[in-house]
Amino acid sequence: FETEFHNKILQLITALPPDQTDSEGNPFWTGHKRPPTPLKFNANDPLHLDFLMAAANLYAKLYGLAGSRDMNMIRTEALKATIEVFEPVKGHKVAKTDDEMKSMMDEEHTGLESKTQALRESLPKPSELTGYRLEPLSFEKDDPTNFHI
């Protein structure tokens, strides 16, 4: 929750503050582009707890665990979490235009093969993962009980 609804938004508005202007001096945040507001987790907000329950149950299913729908337990466990104070990443670039986005994506893909190979080499050998299992999840939007929607 903290990563998706608080930290990423703080990082974005750190890079593009509400008074940001484009190269022509026009406000960046205008019209349909409005600056987002970070959320603070509220253990009494049903939407916040629903998000935690869905995420936790999807992870549980991935690892072959039963999961839980006990909202009181989820609230209790969430309140035990230690949340680190967000520190913006210095120099984090955010694309302001489609051209900037394309350029940033091209830069990111440079050397991707060597980065991928380094990641592969850092993974444990299958023989070291005895006892672990992952079950792939298939998206099914029409089942309201599976936490996919």
Protein backbone atom coordinates (compact mmCIF):
# COMPACT_ATOMS: atom_id res chain seq x y z
CA PHE A 1 0.00 0.00 0.00
CA GLU A 2 2.68 2.43 1.06
CA THR A 3 4.71 1.89 -2.12
CA GLU A 4 1.83 2.22 -4.56
CA PHE A 5 -0.33 4.90 -2.99
CA HIS A 6 2.15 6.99 -1.01
CA ASN A 7 5.80 6.66 -2.02
CA LYS A 8 5.40 6.54 -5.81
CA ILE A 9 3.12 9.57 -5.67
CA LEU A 10 5.53 11.49 -3.43
CA GLN A 11 8.35 10.63 -5.83
CA LEU A 12 6.29 11.90 -8.76
CA ILE A 13 5.33 15.20 -7.12
CA THR A 14 8.93 15.64 -5.96
CA ALA A 15 10.07 15.38 -9.59
CA LEU A 16 7.06 17.32 -10.93
CA PRO A 17 5.80 19.66 -8.18
CA PRO A 18 2.35 21.26 -8.46
CA ASP A 19 3.88 24.53 -9.72
CA GLN A 20 5.91 22.77 -12.46
CA THR A 21 5.89 24.45 -15.88
CA ASP A 22 6.72 23.08 -19.30
CA SER A 23 9.41 24.45 -21.63
CA GLU A 24 7.03 27.20 -22.78
CA GLY A 25 6.19 28.32 -19.24
CA ASN A 26 2.73 26.74 -19.17
CA PRO A 27 1.65 24.84 -16.06
CA PHE A 28 2.47 21.12 -16.36
CA TRP A 29 -0.44 20.11 -14.12
CA THR A 30 -3.43 21.49 -15.96
CA GLY A 31 -6.74 20.30 -17.39
CA HIS A 32 -6.97 16.51 -17.15
CA LYS A 33 -3.43 16.33 -15.71
CA ARG A 34 -3.84 17.18 -12.05
CA PRO A 35 -1.20 16.54 -9.41
CA PRO A 36 -1.96 13.38 -7.45
CA THR A 37 -2.28 13.34 -3.69
CA PRO A 38 -0.45 10.66 -1.70
CA LEU A 39 -2.60 8.54 0.59
CA LYS A 40 -1.79 7.79 4.20
CA PHE A 41 -2.81 4.27 5.20
CA ASN A 42 -5.93 4.26 7.34
CA ALA A 43 -6.72 0.97 9.07
CA ASN A 44 -10.34 2.08 9.41
CA ASP A 45 -10.83 2.73 5.70
CA PRO A 46 -12.53 -0.31 4.10
CA LEU A 47 -10.92 0.42 0.70
CA HIS A 48 -7.43 0.36 2.22
CA LEU A 49 -8.16 -2.92 3.98
CA ASP A 50 -9.75 -4.40 0.86
CA PHE A 51 -6.55 -3.63 -1.06
CA LEU A 52 -4.41 -5.32 1.61
CA MET A 53 -6.72 -8.34 1.73
CA ALA A 54 -6.70 -8.76 -2.05
CA ALA A 55 -2.92 -8.34 -2.34
CA ALA A 56 -2.21 -10.69 0.58
CA ASN A 57 -4.58 -13.34 -0.77
CA LEU A 58 -3.10 -13.17 -4.27
CA TYR A 59 0.40 -13.64 -2.84
CA ALA A 60 -0.85 -16.47 -0.62
CA LYS A 61 -2.40 -18.21 -3.62
CA LEU A 62 0.86 -17.83 -5.55
CA TYR A 63 2.72 -19.66 -2.78
CA GLY A 64 0.05 -22.33 -2.28
CA LEU A 65 -1.14 -20.93 1.06
CA ALA A 66 -4.75 -20.65 2.22
CA GLY A 67 -4.99 -16.88 2.70
CA SER A 68 -7.60 -15.17 4.86
CA ARG A 69 -10.70 -13.02 4.65
CA ASP A 70 -10.57 -12.04 8.32
CA MET A 71 -10.65 -8.25 8.12
CA ASN A 72 -9.95 -7.82 11.84
CA MET A 73 -6.79 -9.92 11.57
CA ILE A 74 -5.69 -7.98 8.49
CA ARG A 75 -6.24 -4.67 10.31
CA THR A 76 -4.36 -5.93 13.39
CA GLU A 77 -1.39 -7.16 11.33
CA ALA A 78 -1.31 -4.01 9.20
CA LEU A 79 -1.08 -1.85 12.32
CA LYS A 80 1.99 -3.84 13.42
CA ALA A 81 3.90 -2.92 10.26
CA THR A 82 6.80 -0.53 10.60
CA ILE A 83 6.70 2.02 7.81
CA GLU A 84 9.95 3.74 6.95
CA VAL A 85 9.87 7.47 6.27
CA PHE A 86 9.89 8.07 2.53
CA GLU A 87 13.06 9.58 1.12
CA PRO A 88 12.80 10.80 -2.49
CA VAL A 89 15.33 9.37 -4.92
CA LYS A 90 17.60 12.26 -5.89
CA GLY A 91 17.82 12.92 -9.61
CA HIS A 92 14.89 10.61 -10.44
CA LYS A 93 13.75 11.59 -13.92
CA VAL A 94 10.09 11.65 -14.90
CA ALA A 95 9.12 12.03 -18.55
CA LYS A 96 7.18 15.21 -19.19
CA THR A 97 6.40 14.44 -22.83
CA ASP A 98 5.90 11.37 -25.02
CA ASP A 99 9.25 12.05 -26.70
CA GLU A 100 11.02 12.12 -23.33
CA MET A 101 9.28 8.86 -22.40
CA LYS A 102 10.51 7.19 -25.61
CA SER A 103 14.04 8.46 -25.04
CA MET A 104 14.05 7.22 -21.43
CA MET A 105 12.75 3.81 -22.52
CA ASP A 106 15.44 3.57 -25.21
CA GLU A 107 18.11 4.37 -22.57
CA GLU A 108 16.64 1.76 -20.23
CA HIS A 109 16.86 -0.93 -22.92
CA THR A 110 20.54 -0.21 -23.56
CA GLY A 111 22.52 -3.11 -22.15
CA LEU A 112 19.35 -4.97 -21.21
CA GLU A 113 20.75 -8.34 -22.32
CA SER A 114 23.77 -8.08 -20.02
CA LYS A 115 21.55 -6.90 -17.15
CA THR A 116 19.22 -9.84 -17.75
CA GLN A 117 22.13 -12.29 -17.82
CA ALA A 118 23.53 -10.87 -14.56
CA LEU A 119 20.11 -11.29 -12.96
CA ARG A 120 19.85 -14.90 -14.19
CA GLU A 121 23.26 -15.67 -12.71
CA SER A 122 22.26 -14.19 -9.36
CA LEU A 123 19.25 -16.50 -8.99
CA PRO A 124 19.57 -19.63 -6.84
CA LYS A 125 19.83 -23.00 -8.58
CA PRO A 126 16.55 -24.96 -8.76
CA SER A 127 18.10 -27.62 -6.52
CA GLU A 128 18.47 -24.95 -3.79
CA LEU A 129 14.75 -24.23 -3.86
CA THR A 130 13.52 -27.61 -2.62
CA GLY A 131 10.29 -27.12 -0.74
CA TYR A 132 9.39 -23.86 -2.44
CA ARG A 133 6.66 -23.77 -4.99
CA LEU A 134 4.89 -21.15 -7.01
CA GLU A 135 1.51 -21.63 -8.59
CA PRO A 136 0.78 -19.41 -11.58
CA LEU A 137 -2.43 -17.44 -11.31
CA SER A 138 -4.75 -17.18 -14.29
CA PHE A 139 -6.70 -13.95 -14.46
CA GLU A 140 -10.45 -14.52 -14.24
CA LYS A 141 -12.47 -11.32 -14.10
CA ASP A 142 -15.86 -13.01 -13.73
CA ASP A 143 -15.16 -14.66 -10.36
CA PRO A 144 -15.79 -12.05 -7.63
CA THR A 145 -14.22 -14.28 -4.97
CA ASN A 146 -10.67 -14.59 -6.38
CA PHE A 147 -9.44 -11.02 -5.66
CA HIS A 148 -8.59 -10.39 -9.32
CA ILE A 149 -10.89 -7.38 -9.60
